[in-house]
Amino acid sequence: MIKVDNISFAYKGSDAMSFPSFALEQGEHALVLGQSGCGKTSLLHLMAGLIKPNEGSVVIDGTNVSKISGSEMDRFRGGNIGIIFQKPHFVKAIRVLENVMLAQNLGGKKKNKAKAISILTKLGLEHKINARVNNLSEGEKQRVSIARALVNSPKLILADEPTSALDDENCKAVLNLLKEVSKESNSTLLIVTHDNRLKDQFDKKIELS
């Protein structure tokens, strides 16, 4: 489903980072582990096609995302990849439901209000669909981010440090939620984290140094 092959990347003025090669099948769950500053977020952005490797390739469902860019990459990402950023990014002028449905529009999908409401309901947010995102708790914002990442039934879900700022109880709740909703949609789930609490919860791990 996703294959990362000998990729390296360097920000301007910085030394190149090299990443291990790995592959995940459809529906498989895995962790990318490593301490802060080792390049975990950069790897996630490379897999999402937000930045391009200097060498190597990232292939998702047969498409080499290292070779496409611009509007073509935007369409592919919108239809195939759900991204949960470490800090949620919302359009503050619109409500929760509209933020989730915006992902359908940006992904080139037909707007499906019922599906967006259904996902928010599964995440316990049915009473917040008309709320302003600024009025949500941090945990609610995180769940809206998950809903937005899942609304297009992506083949790949990428989550960046989704539990690092949470206490043990909320960490467990968010992790269970991600596993549950990804299983329901048969999505490949890759969590980038330095949170040691997650290590025993996943069989497959990719460690960065």
Protein backbone atom coordinates (compact mmCIF):
# COMPACT_ATOMS: atom_id res chain seq x y z
CA MET A 1 0.00 0.00 0.00
CA ILE A 2 2.81 2.40 0.98
CA LYS A 3 6.48 1.83 0.27
CA VAL A 4 9.22 4.17 1.46
CA ASP A 5 12.48 3.42 -0.35
CA ASN A 6 15.86 4.93 0.59
CA ILE A 7 14.65 8.50 0.96
CA SER A 8 16.74 11.43 2.15
CA PHE A 9 15.86 15.08 2.59
CA ALA A 10 17.65 18.28 3.55
CA TYR A 11 16.22 21.64 4.50
CA LYS A 12 18.12 24.59 3.09
CA GLY A 13 21.32 25.09 5.04
CA SER A 14 20.96 21.80 6.97
CA ASP A 15 22.54 18.38 6.71
CA ALA A 16 20.58 15.70 4.89
CA MET A 17 18.41 13.32 6.87
CA SER A 18 18.24 9.69 5.75
CA PHE A 19 15.27 7.48 6.58
CA PRO A 20 14.92 3.69 6.76
CA SER A 21 13.07 1.87 4.01
CA PHE A 22 9.80 0.16 4.95
CA ALA A 23 6.49 -0.97 3.51
CA LEU A 24 2.97 -1.27 4.95
CA GLU A 25 0.01 -3.21 3.59
CA GLN A 26 -3.55 -1.92 3.33
CA GLY A 27 -5.14 -1.83 6.78
CA GLU A 28 -1.85 -2.29 8.64
CA HIS A 29 -1.01 -0.17 11.70
CA ALA A 30 2.48 1.01 12.64
CA LEU A 31 4.45 3.51 14.72
CA VAL A 32 7.35 5.72 13.69
CA LEU A 33 9.41 6.22 16.84
CA GLY A 34 12.22 8.57 17.72
CA GLN A 35 13.25 11.43 19.94
CA SER A 36 12.39 15.06 19.20
CA GLY A 37 14.44 16.46 16.34
CA CYS A 38 15.19 13.14 14.62
CA GLY A 39 13.01 13.93 11.60
CA LYS A 40 9.71 12.20 12.39
CA THR A 41 7.52 15.09 11.24
CA SER A 42 9.68 15.53 8.13
CA LEU A 43 9.13 11.86 7.29
CA LEU A 44 5.38 12.29 7.71
CA HIS A 45 5.45 15.33 5.40
CA LEU A 46 7.46 13.34 2.85
CA MET A 47 4.91 10.53 2.93
CA ALA A 48 2.08 13.05 2.54
CA GLY A 49 3.75 14.69 -0.45
CA LEU A 50 3.98 18.02 1.36
CA ILE A 51 7.73 18.05 0.71
CA LYS A 52 9.76 16.05 -1.82
CA PRO A 53 12.78 13.84 -1.07
CA ASN A 54 16.17 14.69 -2.49
CA GLU A 55 16.69 10.99 -3.15
CA GLY A 56 14.56 7.86 -3.03
CA SER A 57 10.82 7.45 -3.44
CA VAL A 58 7.48 7.22 -1.63
CA VAL A 59 4.91 5.06 -3.42
CA ILE A 60 1.29 5.02 -2.22
CA ASP A 61 -1.12 2.56 -3.81
CA GLY A 62 1.05 2.40 -6.92
CA THR A 63 1.55 6.18 -7.26
CA ASN A 64 5.01 7.64 -6.74
CA VAL A 65 4.14 10.77 -4.79
CA SER A 66 7.77 11.87 -5.00
CA LYS A 67 7.24 12.57 -8.70
CA ILE A 68 3.97 14.51 -8.67
CA SER A 69 3.34 17.97 -7.34
CA GLY A 70 1.04 20.97 -7.50
CA SER A 71 -2.65 20.45 -8.17
CA GLU A 72 -2.14 16.79 -9.11
CA MET A 73 -0.61 16.09 -5.70
CA ASP A 74 -3.36 18.07 -3.98
CA ARG A 75 -6.03 15.92 -5.66
CA PHE A 76 -4.21 12.68 -4.85
CA ARG A 77 -3.69 13.70 -1.23
CA GLY A 78 -7.31 14.78 -0.83
CA GLY A 79 -8.63 11.50 -2.15
CA ASN A 80 -6.15 9.08 -0.59
CA ILE A 81 -4.43 10.53 2.48
CA GLY A 82 -5.88 11.75 5.76
CA ILE A 83 -3.47 13.85 7.84
CA ILE A 84 -3.81 14.57 11.55
CA PHE A 85 -1.35 17.33 12.34
CA GLN A 86 0.19 17.77 15.79
CA LYS A 87 -1.60 21.12 16.08
CA PRO A 88 -5.03 21.21 14.38
CA HIS A 89 -5.52 23.69 11.55
CA PHE A 90 -9.11 24.87 11.08
CA VAL A 91 -10.94 27.60 9.23
CA LYS A 92 -12.12 29.58 12.25
CA ALA A 93 -14.87 31.45 10.41
CA ILE A 94 -16.89 28.28 9.78
CA ARG A 95 -18.40 25.68 12.10
CA VAL A 96 -17.29 22.15 12.99
CA LEU A 97 -19.43 20.37 10.37
CA GLU A 98 -18.35 22.81 7.67
CA ASN A 99 -14.67 22.27 8.53
CA VAL A 100 -15.11 18.52 8.10
CA MET A 101 -17.03 18.91 4.84
CA LEU A 102 -14.38 21.29 3.55
CA ALA A 103 -12.07 18.28 3.35
CA GLN A 104 -14.53 16.68 0.91
CA ASN A 105 -14.41 19.74 -1.30
CA LEU A 106 -10.62 20.04 -1.20
CA GLY A 107 -10.32 16.33 -1.97
CA GLY A 108 -12.47 16.64 -5.07
CA LYS A 109 -15.22 14.57 -3.50
CA LYS A 110 -18.94 15.16 -3.72
CA LYS A 111 -20.18 16.84 -0.55
CA ASN A 112 -21.81 14.30 1.72
CA LYS A 113 -23.27 15.96 4.78
CA ALA A 114 -24.72 12.72 6.13
CA LYS A 115 -21.33 11.01 6.08
CA ALA A 116 -19.65 13.93 7.83
CA ILE A 117 -22.32 13.93 10.54
CA SER A 118 -22.04 10.15 10.90
CA ILE A 119 -18.28 10.31 11.49
CA LEU A 120 -18.62 13.17 13.98
CA THR A 121 -21.31 11.18 15.79
CA LYS A 122 -19.06 8.12 16.03
CA LEU A 123 -16.48 10.38 17.62
CA GLY A 124 -18.99 11.65 20.19
CA LEU A 125 -19.28 15.11 18.63
CA GLU A 126 -22.88 15.08 17.40
CA HIS A 127 -23.72 17.89 19.84
CA LYS A 128 -20.85 20.02 18.50
CA ILE A 129 -21.51 19.98 14.76
CA ASN A 130 -22.71 23.59 14.75
CA ALA A 131 -20.13 24.84 17.25
CA ARG A 132 -17.32 27.23 16.42
CA VAL A 133 -13.95 25.49 16.55
CA ASN A 134 -12.61 28.20 18.86
CA ASN A 135 -15.16 27.08 21.47
CA LEU A 136 -13.99 23.46 21.53
CA SER A 137 -11.73 21.86 24.11
CA GLU A 138 -8.35 20.56 22.97
CA GLY A 139 -9.64 17.00 23.03
CA GLU A 140 -12.66 17.96 20.91
CA LYS A 141 -10.43 19.75 18.41
CA GLN A 142 -8.33 16.62 18.16
CA ARG A 143 -11.41 14.51 17.43
CA VAL A 144 -12.58 16.99 14.78
CA SER A 145 -9.15 16.64 13.17
CA ILE A 146 -9.61 12.87 13.14
CA ALA A 147 -13.09 13.24 11.60
CA ARG A 148 -11.73 15.53 8.90
CA ALA A 149 -8.91 13.08 8.15
CA LEU A 150 -11.40 10.20 7.78
CA VAL A 151 -14.30 11.81 5.94
CA ASN A 152 -12.96 10.90 2.48
CA SER A 153 -12.29 7.27 3.55
CA PRO A 154 -8.55 7.64 2.88
CA LYS A 155 -6.38 4.67 2.14
CA LEU A 156 -3.67 6.10 4.38
CA ILE A 157 -3.96 7.96 7.72
CA LEU A 158 -0.90 9.86 8.95
CA ALA A 159 -1.00 11.13 12.54
CA ASP A 160 1.70 13.41 13.95
CA GLU A 161 2.21 13.15 17.73
CA PRO A 162 -1.53 12.71 18.47
CA THR A 163 -0.96 11.81 22.14
CA SER A 164 2.18 13.66 23.23
CA ALA A 165 0.33 16.41 25.13
CA LEU A 166 -2.29 14.12 26.71
CA ASP A 167 -2.53 12.53 30.13
CA ASP A 168 -2.66 8.73 30.36
CA GLU A 169 -6.45 8.50 30.26
CA ASN A 170 -6.86 10.71 27.22
CA CYS A 171 -3.88 9.10 25.52
CA LYS A 172 -5.59 5.72 25.76
CA ALA A 173 -8.91 7.13 24.54
CA VAL A 174 -7.38 8.80 21.46
CA LEU A 175 -5.31 5.73 20.59
CA ASN A 176 -8.35 3.45 20.82
CA LEU A 177 -10.31 5.90 18.71
CA LEU A 178 -7.69 5.99 15.95
CA LYS A 179 -7.45 2.21 15.86
CA GLU A 180 -11.22 1.79 15.81
CA VAL A 181 -12.01 4.26 13.05
CA SER A 182 -9.09 3.16 10.86
CA LYS A 183 -10.19 -0.45 11.20
CA GLU A 184 -13.74 0.45 10.18
CA SER A 185 -12.50 2.10 6.97
CA ASN A 186 -9.66 -0.44 6.40
CA SER A 187 -7.18 2.43 6.34
CA THR A 188 -3.45 2.03 6.80
CA LEU A 189 -2.57 3.90 10.00
CA LEU A 190 0.87 5.36 10.66
CA ILE A 191 1.46 7.29 13.89
CA VAL A 192 4.59 9.41 14.26
CA THR A 193 5.49 9.79 17.93
CA HIS A 194 8.11 9.93 20.67
CA ASP A 195 5.47 8.90 23.23
CA ASN A 196 6.82 5.73 24.87
CA ARG A 197 3.33 4.85 26.11
CA LEU A 198 2.40 3.72 22.61
CA LYS A 199 5.26 1.29 22.08
CA ASP A 200 3.48 -1.77 23.44
CA GLN A 201 0.28 -1.02 21.53
CA PHE A 202 1.66 -1.73 18.04
CA ASP A 203 3.39 -4.78 16.61
CA LYS A 204 5.12 -2.91 13.79
CA LYS A 205 7.55 -0.12 14.61
CA ILE A 206 9.89 2.00 12.48
CA GLU A 207 12.61 3.58 14.62
CA LEU A 208 14.50 6.73 13.65
CA SER A 209 17.80 7.70 15.20
